[in-house]
PDB file of N, CA and C in Angstrom:
ATOM      1  N   MET A   1     156.315 -92.803 -88.937  1.00  0.00           N
ATOM      2  CA  MET A   1     156.225 -93.001 -87.504  1.00  0.00           C
ATOM      3  C   MET A   1     156.301 -94.489 -87.208  1.00  0.00           C
ATOM      4  N   ALA A   2     157.020 -94.867 -86.190  1.00  0.00           N
ATOM      5  CA  ALA A   2     157.186 -96.266 -85.829  1.00  0.00           C
ATOM      6  C   ALA A   2     155.960 -96.743 -85.054  1.00  0.00           C
ATOM      7  N   ASP A   3     155.669 -98.034 -85.187  1.00  0.00           N
ATOM      8  CA  ASP A   3     154.536 -98.568 -84.440  1.00  0.00           C
ATOM      9  C   ASP A   3     154.949 -98.857 -83.007  1.00  0.00           C
ATOM     10  N   ASN A   4     154.033 -99.357 -82.199  1.00  0.00           N
ATOM     11  CA  ASN A   4     154.310 -99.595 -80.785  1.00  0.00           C
ATOM     12  C   ASN A   4     154.815-100.999 -80.494  1.00  0.00           C
ATOM     13  N   ILE A   5     155.044-101.795 -81.521  1.00  0.00           N
ATOM     14  CA  ILE A   5     155.528-103.151 -81.328  1.00  0.00           C
ATOM     15  C   ILE A   5     157.033-103.089 -81.068  1.00  0.00           C
ATOM     16  N   THR A   6     157.527-103.898 -80.134  1.00  0.00           N
ATOM     17  CA  THR A   6     158.954-103.953 -79.863  1.00  0.00           C
ATOM     18  C   THR A   6     159.616-104.848 -80.894  1.00  0.00           C
ATOM     19  N   HIS A   7     160.636-104.322 -81.544  1.00  0.00           N
ATOM     20  CA  HIS A   7     161.366-105.073 -82.551  1.00  0.00           C
ATOM     21  C   HIS A   7     162.756-105.368 -82.016  1.00  0.00           C
ATOM     22  N   PRO A   8     163.369-106.479 -82.487  1.00  0.00           N
ATOM     23  CA  PRO A   8     164.714-106.791 -82.015  1.00  0.00           C
ATOM     24  C   PRO A   8     165.688-105.673 -82.388  1.00  0.00           C
ATOM     25  N   ALA A   9     166.586-105.329 -81.470  1.00  0.00           N
ATOM     26  CA  ALA A   9     167.631-104.350 -81.794  1.00  0.00           C
ATOM     27  C   ALA A   9     168.568-104.997 -82.808  1.00  0.00           C
ATOM     28  N   ASP A  10     169.096-104.192 -83.719  1.00  0.00           N
ATOM     29  CA  ASP A  10     170.073-104.748 -84.641  1.00  0.00           C
ATOM     30  C   ASP A  10     171.473-104.324 -84.208  1.00  0.00           C
ATOM     31  N   ASP A  11     172.473-105.034 -84.715  1.00  0.00           N
ATOM     32  CA  ASP A  11     173.852-104.798 -84.304  1.00  0.00           C
ATOM     33  C   ASP A  11     174.330-103.388 -84.634  1.00  0.00           C
ATOM     34  N   LEU A  12     173.909-102.849 -85.782  1.00  0.00           N
ATOM     35  CA  LEU A  12     174.397-101.526 -86.172  1.00  0.00           C
ATOM     36  C   LEU A  12     173.906-100.429 -85.249  1.00  0.00           C
ATOM     37  N   ALA A  13     172.745-100.631 -84.641  1.00  0.00           N
ATOM     38  CA  ALA A  13     172.194 -99.616 -83.733  1.00  0.00           C
ATOM     39  C   ALA A  13     173.125 -99.388 -82.547  1.00  0.00           C
ATOM     40  N   LYS A  14     173.996-100.350 -82.279  1.00  0.00           N
ATOM     41  CA  LYS A  14     174.943-100.211 -81.168  1.00  0.00           C
ATOM     42  C   LYS A  14     176.216 -99.479 -81.592  1.00  0.00           C
ATOM     43  N   ALA A  15     176.436 -99.331 -82.927  1.00  0.00           N
ATOM     44  CA  ALA A  15     177.686 -98.773 -83.414  1.00  0.00           C
ATOM     45  C   ALA A  15     177.535 -97.407 -84.087  1.00  0.00           C
ATOM     46  N   LEU A  16     176.391 -97.129 -84.657  1.00  0.00           N
ATOM     47  CA  LEU A  16     176.153 -95.887 -85.396  1.00  0.00           C
ATOM     48  C   LEU A  16     174.869 -95.245 -84.900  1.00  0.00           C
ATOM     49  N   LYS A  17     174.681 -93.984 -85.235  1.00  0.00           N
ATOM     50  CA  LYS A  17     173.408 -93.352 -84.900  1.00  0.00           C
ATOM     51  C   LYS A  17     172.382 -93.778 -85.946  1.00  0.00           C
ATOM     52  N   ARG A  18     171.400 -94.538 -85.502  1.00  0.00           N
ATOM     53  CA  ARG A  18     170.358 -95.038 -86.403  1.00  0.00           C
ATOM     54  C   ARG A  18     169.000 -94.672 -85.817  1.00  0.00           C
ATOM     55  N   THR A  19     168.182 -94.043 -86.632  1.00  0.00           N
ATOM     56  CA  THR A  19     166.848 -93.646 -86.212  1.00  0.00           C
ATOM     57  C   THR A  19     165.831 -94.407 -87.053  1.00  0.00           C
ATOM     58  N   GLU A  20     165.054 -95.264 -86.403  1.00  0.00           N
ATOM     59  CA  GLU A  20     164.011 -95.995 -87.121  1.00  0.00           C
ATOM     60  C   GLU A  20     162.840 -95.051 -87.372  1.00  0.00           C
ATOM     61  N   ILE A  21     162.528 -94.825 -88.613  1.00  0.00           N
ATOM     62  CA  ILE A  21     161.463 -93.909 -88.994  1.00  0.00           C
ATOM     63  C   ILE A  21     160.120 -94.624 -89.024  1.00  0.00           C
ATOM     64  N   GLN A  22     160.130 -95.822 -89.581  1.00  0.00           N
ATOM     65  CA  GLN A  22     158.904 -96.626 -89.556  1.00  0.00           C
ATOM     66  C   GLN A  22     159.244 -98.106 -89.654  1.00  0.00           C
ATOM     67  N   HIS A  23     158.355 -98.925 -89.124  1.00  0.00           N
ATOM     68  CA  HIS A  23     158.498-100.373 -89.147  1.00  0.00           C
ATOM     69  C   HIS A  23     157.084-100.925 -89.264  1.00  0.00           C
ATOM     70  N   VAL A  24     156.746-101.396 -90.460  1.00  0.00           N
ATOM     71  CA  VAL A  24     155.369-101.824 -90.731  1.00  0.00           C
ATOM     72  C   VAL A  24     155.351-103.163 -91.445  1.00  0.00           C
ATOM     73  N   ALA A  25     154.226-103.827 -91.369  1.00  0.00           N
ATOM     74  CA  ALA A  25     154.048-105.091 -92.086  1.00  0.00           C
ATOM     75  C   ALA A  25     154.003-104.815 -93.585  1.00  0.00           C
ATOM     76  N   SER A  26     154.610-105.696 -94.340  1.00  0.00           N
ATOM     77  CA  SER A  26     154.607-105.603 -95.798  1.00  0.00           C
ATOM     78  C   SER A  26     153.409-106.367 -96.358  1.00  0.00           C
ATOM     79  N   SER A  27     153.082-106.093 -97.611  1.00  0.00           N
ATOM     80  CA  SER A  27     152.052-106.895 -98.290  1.00  0.00           C
ATOM     81  C   SER A  27     152.611-108.258 -98.678  1.00  0.00           C
ATOM     82  N   ILE A  28     153.935-108.426 -98.552  1.00  0.00           N
ATOM     83  CA  ILE A  28     154.588-109.710 -98.818  1.00  0.00           C
ATOM     84  C   ILE A  28     154.520-110.529 -97.533  1.00  0.00           C
ATOM     85  N   PRO A  29     153.863-111.687 -97.555  1.00  0.00           N
ATOM     86  CA  PRO A  29     153.759-112.490 -96.333  1.00  0.00           C
ATOM     87  C   PRO A  29     155.125-112.794 -95.720  1.00  0.00           C
ATOM     88  N   GLY A  30     155.229-112.630 -94.388  1.00  0.00           N
ATOM     89  CA  GLY A  30     156.451-112.940 -93.671  1.00  0.00           C
ATOM     90  C   GLY A  30     157.518-111.863 -93.744  1.00  0.00           C
ATOM     91  N   ARG A  31     157.172-110.690 -94.304  1.00  0.00           N
ATOM     92  CA  ARG A  31     158.146-109.612 -94.443  1.00  0.00           C
ATOM     93  C   ARG A  31     157.647-108.323 -93.808  1.00  0.00           C
ATOM     94  N   ASP A  32     158.572-107.560 -93.243  1.00  0.00           N
ATOM     95  CA  ASP A  32     158.313-106.214 -92.739  1.00  0.00           C
ATOM     96  C   ASP A  32     159.072-105.217 -93.614  1.00  0.00           C
ATOM     97  N   ILE A  33     158.618-103.985 -93.610  1.00  0.00           N
ATOM     98  CA  ILE A  33     159.337-102.891 -94.248  1.00  0.00           C
ATOM     99  C   ILE A  33     159.823-101.974 -93.133  1.00  0.00           C
ATOM    100  N   VAL A  34     161.121-101.730 -93.117  1.00  0.00           N
ATOM    101  CA  VAL A  34     161.735-100.899 -92.088  1.00  0.00           C
ATOM    102  C   VAL A  34     162.474 -99.762 -92.787  1.00  0.00           C
ATOM    103  N   GLN A  35     162.200 -98.542 -92.351  1.00  0.00           N
ATOM    104  CA  GLN A  35     162.886 -97.379 -92.907  1.00  0.00           C
ATOM    105  C   GLN A  35     163.742 -96.773 -91.799  1.00  0.00           C
ATOM    106  N   VAL A  36     165.038 -96.541 -92.112  1.00  0.00           N
ATOM    107  CA  VAL A  36     166.008 -96.110 -91.105  1.00  0.00           C
ATOM    108  C   VAL A  36     166.875 -94.976 -91.656  1.00  0.00           C
ATOM    109  N   LEU A  37     167.100 -93.977 -90.823  1.00  0.00           N
ATOM    110  CA  LEU A  37     168.078 -92.932 -91.114  1.00  0.00           C
ATOM    111  C   LEU A  37     169.348 -93.294 -90.354  1.00  0.00           C
ATOM    112  N   THR A  38     170.461 -93.447 -91.082  1.00  0.00           N
ATOM    113  CA  THR A  38     171.746 -93.783 -90.472  1.00  0.00           C
ATOM    114  C   THR A  38     172.698 -92.623 -90.661  1.00  0.00           C
ATOM    115  N   GLU A  39     173.394 -92.257 -89.579  1.00  0.00           N
ATOM    116  CA  GLU A  39     174.380 -91.188 -89.630  1.00  0.00           C
ATOM    117  C   GLU A  39     175.741 -91.772 -89.289  1.00  0.00           C
ATOM    118  N   ILE A  40     176.707 -91.556 -90.210  1.00  0.00           N
ATOM    119  CA  ILE A  40     178.052 -92.096 -90.045  1.00  0.00           C
ATOM    120  C   ILE A  40     179.025 -90.926 -90.000  1.00  0.00           C
ATOM    121  N   PRO A  41     179.681 -90.679 -88.870  1.00  0.00           N
ATOM    122  CA  PRO A  41     180.654 -89.586 -88.783  1.00  0.00           C
ATOM    123  C   PRO A  41     181.832 -89.800 -89.733  1.00  0.00           C
ATOM    124  N   ALA A  42     182.467 -88.720 -90.138  1.00  0.00           N
ATOM    125  CA  ALA A  42     183.623 -88.782 -91.034  1.00  0.00           C
ATOM    126  C   ALA A  42     184.686 -89.728 -90.477  1.00  0.00           C
ATOM    127  N   GLY A  43     185.186 -90.613 -91.343  1.00  0.00           N
ATOM    128  CA  GLY A  43     186.241 -91.543 -90.966  1.00  0.00           C
ATOM    129  C   GLY A  43     185.767 -92.802 -90.275  1.00  0.00           C
ATOM    130  N   VAL A  44     184.470 -92.907 -90.003  1.00  0.00           N
ATOM    131  CA  VAL A  44     183.915 -94.073 -89.302  1.00  0.00           C
ATOM    132  C   VAL A  44     183.335 -95.051 -90.322  1.00  0.00           C
ATOM    133  N   GLU A  45     183.462 -96.328 -90.034  1.00  0.00           N
ATOM    134  CA  GLU A  45     182.840 -97.330 -90.897  1.00  0.00           C
ATOM    135  C   GLU A  45     181.802 -98.112 -90.118  1.00  0.00           C
ATOM    136  N   SER A  46     180.864 -98.663 -90.853  1.00  0.00           N
ATOM    137  CA  SER A  46     179.775 -99.403 -90.211  1.00  0.00           C
ATOM    138  C   SER A  46     180.241-100.738 -89.672  1.00  0.00           C
ATOM    139  N   GLY A  47     181.252-101.328 -90.288  1.00  0.00           N
ATOM    140  CA  GLY A  47     181.641-102.707 -90.000  1.00  0.00           C
ATOM    141  C   GLY A  47     180.890-103.619 -90.958  1.00  0.00           C
ATOM    142  N   TRP A  48     181.490-104.736 -91.284  1.00  0.00           N
ATOM    143  CA  TRP A  48     180.858-105.676 -92.216  1.00  0.00           C
ATOM    144  C   TRP A  48     179.596-106.243 -91.575  1.00  0.00           C
ATOM    145  N   HIS A  49     178.513-106.231 -92.328  1.00  0.00           N
ATOM    146  CA  HIS A  49     177.233-106.709 -91.805  1.00  0.00           C
ATOM    147  C   HIS A  49     176.338-107.169 -92.954  1.00  0.00           C
ATOM    148  N   THR A  50     175.248-107.811 -92.594  1.00  0.00           N
ATOM    149  CA  THR A  50     174.248-108.265 -93.562  1.00  0.00           C
ATOM    150  C   THR A  50     172.862-107.865 -93.071  1.00  0.00           C
ATOM    151  N   HIS A  51     171.903-107.983 -93.970  1.00  0.00           N
ATOM    152  CA  HIS A  51     170.495-107.764 -93.647  1.00  0.00           C
ATOM    153  C   HIS A  51     169.703-108.980 -94.128  1.00  0.00           C
ATOM    154  N   PRO A  52     168.642-109.359 -93.412  1.00  0.00           N
ATOM    155  CA  PRO A  52     167.839-110.523 -93.805  1.00  0.00           C
ATOM    156  C   PRO A  52     166.816-110.168 -94.895  1.00  0.00           C
ATOM    157  N   GLY A  53     167.216-109.355 -95.828  1.00  0.00           N
ATOM    158  CA  GLY A  53     166.360-108.933 -96.936  1.00  0.00           C
ATOM    159  C   GLY A  53     167.035-107.795 -97.675  1.00  0.00           C
ATOM    160  N   GLU A  54     166.377-107.268 -98.680  1.00  0.00           N
ATOM    161  CA  GLU A  54     166.941-106.190 -99.489  1.00  0.00           C
ATOM    162  C   GLU A  54     167.122-104.904 -98.689  1.00  0.00           C
ATOM    163  N   GLU A  55     168.157-104.149 -99.063  1.00  0.00           N
ATOM    164  CA  GLU A  55     168.323-102.782 -98.579  1.00  0.00           C
ATOM    165  C   GLU A  55     168.307-101.878 -99.804  1.00  0.00           C
ATOM    166  N   VAL A  56     167.373-100.956 -99.823  1.00  0.00           N
ATOM    167  CA  VAL A  56     167.294 -99.954-100.877  1.00  0.00           C
ATOM    168  C   VAL A  56     167.620 -98.630-100.206  1.00  0.00           C
ATOM    169  N   GLY A  57     168.739 -98.004-100.605  1.00  0.00           N
ATOM    170  CA  GLY A  57     169.202 -96.833 -99.894  1.00  0.00           C
ATOM    171  C   GLY A  57     169.442 -95.631-100.775  1.00  0.00           C
ATOM    172  N   TYR A  58     169.554 -94.481-100.099  1.00  0.00           N
ATOM    173  CA  TYR A  58     169.763 -93.195-100.759  1.00  0.00           C
ATOM    174  C   TYR A  58     170.649 -92.357 -99.851  1.00  0.00           C
ATOM    175  N   LEU A  59     171.746 -91.829-100.397  1.00  0.00           N
ATOM    176  CA  LEU A  59     172.632 -90.996 -99.595  1.00  0.00           C
ATOM    177  C   LEU A  59     172.110 -89.563 -99.601  1.00  0.00           C
ATOM    178  N   LEU A  60     171.696 -89.099 -98.423  1.00  0.00           N
ATOM    179  CA  LEU A  60     171.153 -87.746 -98.270  1.00  0.00           C
ATOM    180  C   LEU A  60     172.245 -86.690 -98.193  1.00  0.00           C
ATOM    181  N   ALA A  61     173.360 -87.022 -97.544  1.00  0.00           N
ATOM    182  CA  ALA A  61     174.442 -86.066 -97.340  1.00  0.00           C
ATOM    183  C   ALA A  61     175.750 -86.818 -97.177  1.00  0.00           C
ATOM    184  N   GLY A  62     176.848 -86.175 -97.547  1.00  0.00           N
ATOM    185  CA  GLY A  62     178.169 -86.739 -97.336  1.00  0.00           C
ATOM    186  C   GLY A  62     178.690 -87.509 -98.534  1.00  0.00           C
ATOM    187  N   ARG A  63     179.749 -88.267 -98.249  1.00  0.00           N
ATOM    188  CA  ARG A  63     180.420 -89.086 -99.263  1.00  0.00           C
ATOM    189  C   ARG A  63     180.812 -90.383 -98.576  1.00  0.00           C
ATOM    190  N   VAL A  64     180.326 -91.501 -99.098  1.00  0.00           N
ATOM    191  CA  VAL A  64     180.506 -92.801 -98.445  1.00  0.00           C
ATOM    192  C   VAL A  64     181.025 -93.824 -99.447  1.00  0.00           C
ATOM    193  N   GLN A  65     182.033 -94.592 -99.004  1.00  0.00           N
ATOM    194  CA  GLN A  65     182.478 -95.739 -99.797  1.00  0.00           C
ATOM    195  C   GLN A  65     181.702 -96.956 -99.317  1.00  0.00           C
ATOM    196  N   MET A  66     181.012 -97.630-100.239  1.00  0.00           N
ATOM    197  CA  MET A  66     180.252 -98.828 -99.908  1.00  0.00           C
ATOM    198  C   MET A  66     180.999-100.026-100.494  1.00  0.00           C
ATOM    199  N   ARG A  67     181.558-100.841 -99.585  1.00  0.00           N
ATOM    200  CA  ARG A  67     182.227-102.073-100.001  1.00  0.00           C
ATOM    201  C   ARG A  67     181.198-103.190 -99.912  1.00  0.00           C
ATOM    202  N   ILE A  68     181.059-103.946-100.995  1.00  0.00           N
ATOM    203  CA  ILE A  68     180.050-104.996-101.091  1.00  0.00           C
ATOM    204  C   ILE A  68     180.750-106.288-101.487  1.00  0.00           C
ATOM    205  N   GLU A  69     180.508-107.328-100.730  1.00  0.00           N
ATOM    206  CA  GLU A  69     181.159-108.615-100.987  1.00  0.00           C
ATOM    207  C   GLU A  69     180.950-109.041-102.445  1.00  0.00           C
ATOM    208  N   ALA A  70     182.067-109.454-103.087  1.00  0.00           N
ATOM    209  CA  ALA A  70     182.067-109.985-104.457  1.00  0.00           C
ATOM    210  C   ALA A  70     181.623-108.954-105.500  1.00  0.00           C
ATOM    211  N   GLN A  71     181.672-107.668-105.147  1.00  0.00           N
ATOM    212  CA  GLN A  71     181.355-106.614-106.102  1.00  0.00           C
ATOM    213  C   GLN A  71     182.412-105.522-105.986  1.00  0.00           C
ATOM    214  N   GLN A  72     182.447-104.670-106.988  1.00  0.00           N
ATOM    215  CA  GLN A  72     183.344-103.525-106.946  1.00  0.00           C
ATOM    216  C   GLN A  72     182.804-102.500-105.948  1.00  0.00           C
ATOM    217  N   SER A  73     183.687-101.865-105.188  1.00  0.00           N
ATOM    218  CA  SER A  73     183.273-100.826-104.235  1.00  0.00           C
ATOM    219  C   SER A  73     182.595 -99.674-104.966  1.00  0.00           C
ATOM    220  N   LEU A  74     181.646 -99.045-104.280  1.00  0.00           N
ATOM    221  CA  LEU A  74     180.966 -97.870-104.807  1.00  0.00           C
ATOM    222  C   LEU A  74     181.379 -96.661-103.988  1.00  0.00           C
ATOM    223  N   VAL A  75     181.559 -95.519-104.617  1.00  0.00           N
ATOM    224  CA  VAL A  75     181.714 -94.264-103.898  1.00  0.00           C
ATOM    225  C   VAL A  75     180.419 -93.499-104.133  1.00  0.00           C
ATOM    226  N   LEU A  76     179.690 -93.288-103.054  1.00  0.00           N
ATOM    227  CA  LEU A  76     178.381 -92.648-103.118  1.00  0.00           C
ATOM    228  C   LEU A  76     178.491 -91.207-102.654  1.00  0.00           C
ATOM    229  N   ASN A  77     177.872 -90.318-103.390  1.00  0.00           N
ATOM    230  CA  ASN A  77     177.783 -88.907-103.026  1.00  0.00           C
ATOM    231  C   ASN A  77     176.323 -88.583-102.764  1.00  0.00           C
ATOM    232  N   ALA A  78     176.087 -87.487-102.052  1.00  0.00           N
ATOM    233  CA  ALA A  78     174.710 -87.069-101.779  1.00  0.00           C
ATOM    234  C   ALA A  78     173.898 -87.118-103.069  1.00  0.00           C
ATOM    235  N   GLY A  79     172.730 -87.752-102.996  1.00  0.00           N
ATOM    236  CA  GLY A  79     171.859 -87.895-104.159  1.00  0.00           C
ATOM    237  C   GLY A  79     171.968 -89.237-104.855  1.00  0.00           C
ATOM    238  N   ASP A  80     172.953 -90.069-104.463  1.00  0.00           N
ATOM    239  CA  ASP A  80     173.119 -91.388-105.083  1.00  0.00           C
ATOM    240  C   ASP A  80     172.297 -92.449-104.355  1.00  0.00           C
ATOM    241  N   GLY A  81     171.747 -93.367-105.107  1.00  0.00           N
ATOM    242  CA  GLY A  81     171.020 -94.503-104.560  1.00  0.00           C
ATOM    243  C   GLY A  81     171.868 -95.754-104.633  1.00  0.00           C
ATOM    244  N   PHE A  82     171.471 -96.780-103.879  1.00  0.00           N
ATOM    245  CA  PHE A  82     172.176 -98.059-103.913  1.00  0.00           C
ATOM    246  C   PHE A  82     171.220 -99.184-103.514  1.00  0.00           C
ATOM    247  N   LEU A  83     171.599-100.413-103.869  1.00  0.00           N
ATOM    248  CA  LEU A  83     170.823-101.603-103.540  1.00  0.00           C
ATOM    249  C   LEU A  83     171.781-102.676-103.051  1.00  0.00           C
ATOM    250  N   ILE A  84     171.476-103.247-101.902  1.00  0.00           N
ATOM    251  CA  ILE A  84     172.254-104.362-101.356  1.00  0.00           C
ATOM    252  C   ILE A  84     171.341-105.587-101.348  1.00  0.00           C
ATOM    253  N   PRO A  85     171.738-106.663-102.054  1.00  0.00           N
ATOM    254  CA  PRO A  85     170.916-107.873-102.066  1.00  0.00           C
ATOM    255  C   PRO A  85     170.828-108.530-100.682  1.00  0.00           C
ATOM    256  N   PRO A  86     169.806-109.320-100.433  1.00  0.00           N
ATOM    257  CA  PRO A  86     169.646-109.986 -99.135  1.00  0.00           C
ATOM    258  C   PRO A  86     170.861-110.842 -98.776  1.00  0.00           C
ATOM    259  N   GLY A  87     171.269-110.756 -97.509  1.00  0.00           N
ATOM    260  CA  GLY A  87     172.338-111.613 -97.008  1.00  0.00           C
ATOM    261  C   GLY A  87     173.728-111.295 -97.531  1.00  0.00           C
ATOM    262  N   THR A  88     173.892-110.185 -98.248  1.00  0.00           N
ATOM    263  CA  THR A  88     175.187-109.823 -98.830  1.00  0.00           C
ATOM    264  C   THR A  88     175.980-108.960 -97.844  1.00  0.00           C
ATOM    265  N   SER A  89     177.199-109.390 -97.539  1.00  0.00           N
ATOM    266  CA  SER A  89     178.062-108.640 -96.623  1.00  0.00           C
ATOM    267  C   SER A  89     178.459-107.317 -97.261  1.00  0.00           C
ATOM    268  N   HIS A  90     178.426-106.256 -96.454  1.00  0.00           N
ATOM    269  CA  HIS A  90     178.849-104.944 -96.935  1.00  0.00           C
ATOM    270  C   HIS A  90     179.306-104.091 -95.761  1.00  0.00           C
ATOM    271  N   ASN A  91     180.050-103.010 -96.104  1.00  0.00           N
ATOM    272  CA  ASN A  91     180.654-102.146 -95.096  1.00  0.00           C
ATOM    273  C   ASN A  91     180.687-100.732 -95.664  1.00  0.00           C
ATOM    274  N   ALA A  92     180.110 -99.778 -94.958  1.00  0.00           N
ATOM    275  CA  ALA A  92     180.082 -98.383 -95.392  1.00  0.00           C
ATOM    276  C   ALA A  92     181.124 -97.586 -94.613  1.00  0.00           C
ATOM    277  N   LEU A  93     181.964 -96.840 -95.329  1.00  0.00           N
ATOM    278  CA  LEU A  93     182.984 -95.986 -94.727  1.00  0.00           C
ATOM    279  C   LEU A  93     182.698 -94.548 -95.129  1.00  0.00           C
ATOM    280  N   ASP A  94     182.528 -93.665 -94.151  1.00  0.00           N
ATOM    281  CA  ASP A  94     182.310 -92.255 -94.457  1.00  0.00           C
ATOM    282  C   ASP A  94     183.650 -91.631 -94.834  1.00  0.00           C
ATOM    283  N   LEU A  95     183.733 -91.079 -96.036  1.00  0.00           N
ATOM    284  CA  LEU A  95     184.975 -90.502 -96.548  1.00  0.00           C
ATOM    285  C   LEU A  95     185.186 -89.055 -96.131  1.00  0.00           C
ATOM    286  N   GLY A  96     184.187 -88.465 -95.450  1.00  0.00           N
ATOM    287  CA  GLY A  96     184.313 -87.104 -94.952  1.00  0.00           C
ATOM    288  C   GLY A  96     184.258 -86.071 -96.067  1.00  0.00           C
ATOM    289  N   PRO A  97     184.398 -84.827 -95.749  1.00  0.00           N
ATOM    290  CA  PRO A  97     184.732 -84.318 -94.425  1.00  0.00           C
ATOM    291  C   PRO A  97     183.526 -84.227 -93.491  1.00  0.00           C
ATOM    292  N   ASP A  98     182.329 -84.422 -94.027  1.00  0.00           N
ATOM    293  CA  ASP A  98     181.114 -84.280 -93.221  1.00  0.00           C
ATOM    294  C   ASP A  98     180.523 -85.630 -92.847  1.00  0.00           C
ATOM    295  N   THR A  99     179.591 -85.606 -91.926  1.00  0.00           N
ATOM    296  CA  THR A  99     178.851 -86.804 -91.535  1.00  0.00           C
ATOM    297  C   THR A  99     177.981 -87.271 -92.693  1.00  0.00           C
ATOM    298  N   GLY A 100     178.081 -88.542 -93.002  1.00  0.00           N
ATOM    299  CA  GLY A 100     177.220 -89.135 -94.024  1.00  0.00           C
ATOM    300  C   GLY A 100     175.858 -89.440 -93.436  1.00  0.00           C
ATOM    301  N   ARG A 101     174.815 -89.148 -94.189  1.00  0.00           N
ATOM    302  CA  ARG A 101     173.440 -89.456 -93.752  1.00  0.00           C
ATOM    303  C   ARG A 101     172.781 -90.252 -94.863  1.00  0.00           C
ATOM    304  N   MET A 102     172.338 -91.453 -94.532  1.00  0.00           N
ATOM    305  CA  MET A 102     171.681 -92.275 -95.540  1.00  0.00           C
ATOM    306  C   MET A 102     170.328 -92.742 -95.056  1.00  0.00           C
ATOM    307  N   LEU A 103     169.397 -92.764 -95.976  1.00  0.00           N
ATOM    308  CA  LEU A 103     168.054 -93.253 -95.712  1.00  0.00           C
ATOM    309  C   LEU A 103     167.938 -94.608 -96.381  1.00  0.00           C
ATOM    310  N   SER A 104     167.627 -95.632 -95.604  1.00  0.00           N
ATOM    311  CA  SER A 104     167.519 -96.984 -96.144  1.00  0.00           C
ATOM    312  C   SER A 104     166.163 -97.575 -95.829  1.00  0.00           C
ATOM    313  N   CYS A 105     165.639 -98.314 -96.793  1.00  0.00           N
ATOM    314  CA  CYS A 105     164.419 -99.098 -96.597  1.00  0.00           C
ATOM    315  C   CYS A 105     164.811-100.557 -96.720  1.00  0.00           C
ATOM    316  N   TYR A 106     164.392-101.338 -95.751  1.00  0.00           N
ATOM    317  CA  TYR A 106     164.704-102.765 -95.715  1.00  0.00           C
ATOM    318  C   TYR A 106     163.408-103.549 -95.840  1.00  0.00           C
ATOM    319  N   ILE A 107     163.449-104.608 -96.632  1.00  0.00           N
ATOM    320  CA  ILE A 107     162.322-105.533 -96.735  1.00  0.00           C
ATOM    321  C   ILE A 107     162.845-106.829 -96.129  1.00  0.00           C
ATOM    322  N   VAL A 108     162.498-107.057 -94.867  1.00  0.00           N
ATOM    323  CA  VAL A 108     163.170-108.092 -94.085  1.00  0.00           C
ATOM    324  C   VAL A 108     162.201-109.112 -93.491  1.00  0.00           C
ATOM    325  N   GLU A 109     162.762-110.236 -93.079  1.00  0.00           N
ATOM    326  CA  GLU A 109     161.987-111.284 -92.424  1.00  0.00           C
ATOM    327  C   GLU A 109     161.394-110.757 -91.123  1.00  0.00           C
ATOM    328  N   VAL A 110     160.140-111.063 -90.895  1.00  0.00           N
ATOM    329  CA  VAL A 110     159.471-110.642 -89.665  1.00  0.00           C
ATOM    330  C   VAL A 110     160.213-111.231 -88.464  1.00  0.00           C
ATOM    331  N   GLY A 111     160.492-110.390 -87.469  1.00  0.00           N
ATOM    332  CA  GLY A 111     161.121-110.842 -86.228  1.00  0.00           C
ATOM    333  C   GLY A 111     162.630-110.939 -86.269  1.00  0.00           C
ATOM    334  N   ALA A 112     163.235-110.780 -87.441  1.00  0.00           N
ATOM    335  CA  ALA A 112     164.691-110.868 -87.541  1.00  0.00           C
ATOM    336  C   ALA A 112     165.305-109.501 -87.276  1.00  0.00           C
ATOM    337  N   PRO A 113     166.511-109.458 -86.702  1.00  0.00           N
ATOM    338  CA  PRO A 113     167.187-108.166 -86.552  1.00  0.00           C
ATOM    339  C   PRO A 113     167.443-107.584 -87.942  1.00  0.00           C
ATOM    340  N   VAL A 114     167.345-106.277 -88.062  1.00  0.00           N
ATOM    341  CA  VAL A 114     167.526-105.644 -89.370  1.00  0.00           C
ATOM    342  C   VAL A 114     168.970-105.784 -89.856  1.00  0.00           C
ATOM    343  N   ALA A 115     169.935-105.829 -88.937  1.00  0.00           N
ATOM    344  CA  ALA A 115     171.346-105.948 -89.323  1.00  0.00           C
ATOM    345  C   ALA A 115     172.090-106.843 -88.343  1.00  0.00           C
ATOM    346  N   SER A 116     173.043-107.601 -88.877  1.00  0.00           N
ATOM    347  CA  SER A 116     173.889-108.466 -88.047  1.00  0.00           C
ATOM    348  C   SER A 116     175.329-108.372 -88.542  1.00  0.00           C
ATOM    349  N   PHE A 117     176.271-108.190 -87.606  1.00  0.00           N
ATOM    350  CA  PHE A 117     177.678-108.137 -87.990  1.00  0.00           C
ATOM    351  C   PHE A 117     178.163-109.502 -88.461  1.00  0.00           C
ATOM    352  N   VAL A 118     179.118-109.473 -89.398  1.00  0.00           N
ATOM    353  CA  VAL A 118     179.744-110.684 -89.927  1.00  0.00           C
ATOM    354  C   VAL A 118     181.245-110.440 -90.031  1.00  0.00           C
ATOM    355  N   ASP A 119     182.011-111.510 -90.223  1.00  0.00           N
ATOM    356  CA  ASP A 119     183.452-111.381 -90.423  1.00  0.00           C
ATOM    357  C   ASP A 119     183.729-110.700 -91.755  1.00  0.00           C
ATOM    358  N   ASP A 120     184.831-109.989 -91.819  1.00  0.00           N
ATOM    359  CA  ASP A 120     185.261-109.303 -93.041  1.00  0.00           C
ATOM    360  C   ASP A 120     185.557-110.369 -94.105  1.00  0.00           C
ATOM    361  N   PRO A 121     184.785-110.387 -95.205  1.00  0.00           N
ATOM    362  CA  PRO A 121     184.988-111.411 -96.222  1.00  0.00           C
ATOM    363  C   PRO A 121     186.240-111.177 -97.078  1.00  0.00           C
ATOM    364  N   THR A 122     186.907-110.021 -96.907  1.00  0.00           N
ATOM    365  CA  THR A 122     188.078-109.716 -97.714  1.00  0.00           C
ATOM    366  C   THR A 122     189.378-110.189 -97.059  1.00  0.00           C
ATOM    367  N   THR A 123     189.302-110.677 -95.818  1.00  0.00           N
ATOM    368  CA  THR A 123     190.507-111.175 -95.154  1.00  0.00           C
ATOM    369  C   THR A 123     190.523-112.693 -95.203  1.00  0.00           C
ATOM    370  N   PRO A 124     191.706-113.267 -95.447  1.00  0.00           N
ATOM    371  CA  PRO A 124     191.808-114.736 -95.546  1.00  0.00           C
ATOM    372  C   PRO A 124     191.607-115.443 -94.244  1.00  0.00           C
TER     373      PRO A 124
END
């Protein structure tokens, strides 16, 4: 359950269906833990973005290609986990045929938006 504190909206919340499940203070000073359910319709991509901390994720349903800056792309199927390092650009594309559903936990800087769009690092 989310607390009653207002948190900054993140960029992805404007592009995908994202449900914040909880947002609580971490035992790590200056960090919050945010848990989010993200739903990506077939053929839709998140857009290149970063997080101000780690993203630890798990694909609940669907098939998603995760492109990560300076790493090999991952194809995730339901039941697969993933980790995105802090500040690393990445882009999730739902490969269909169903809506991808992923549960992510973020360990982020207090007061920072959970996600921010960035330029595609693969284009010159």
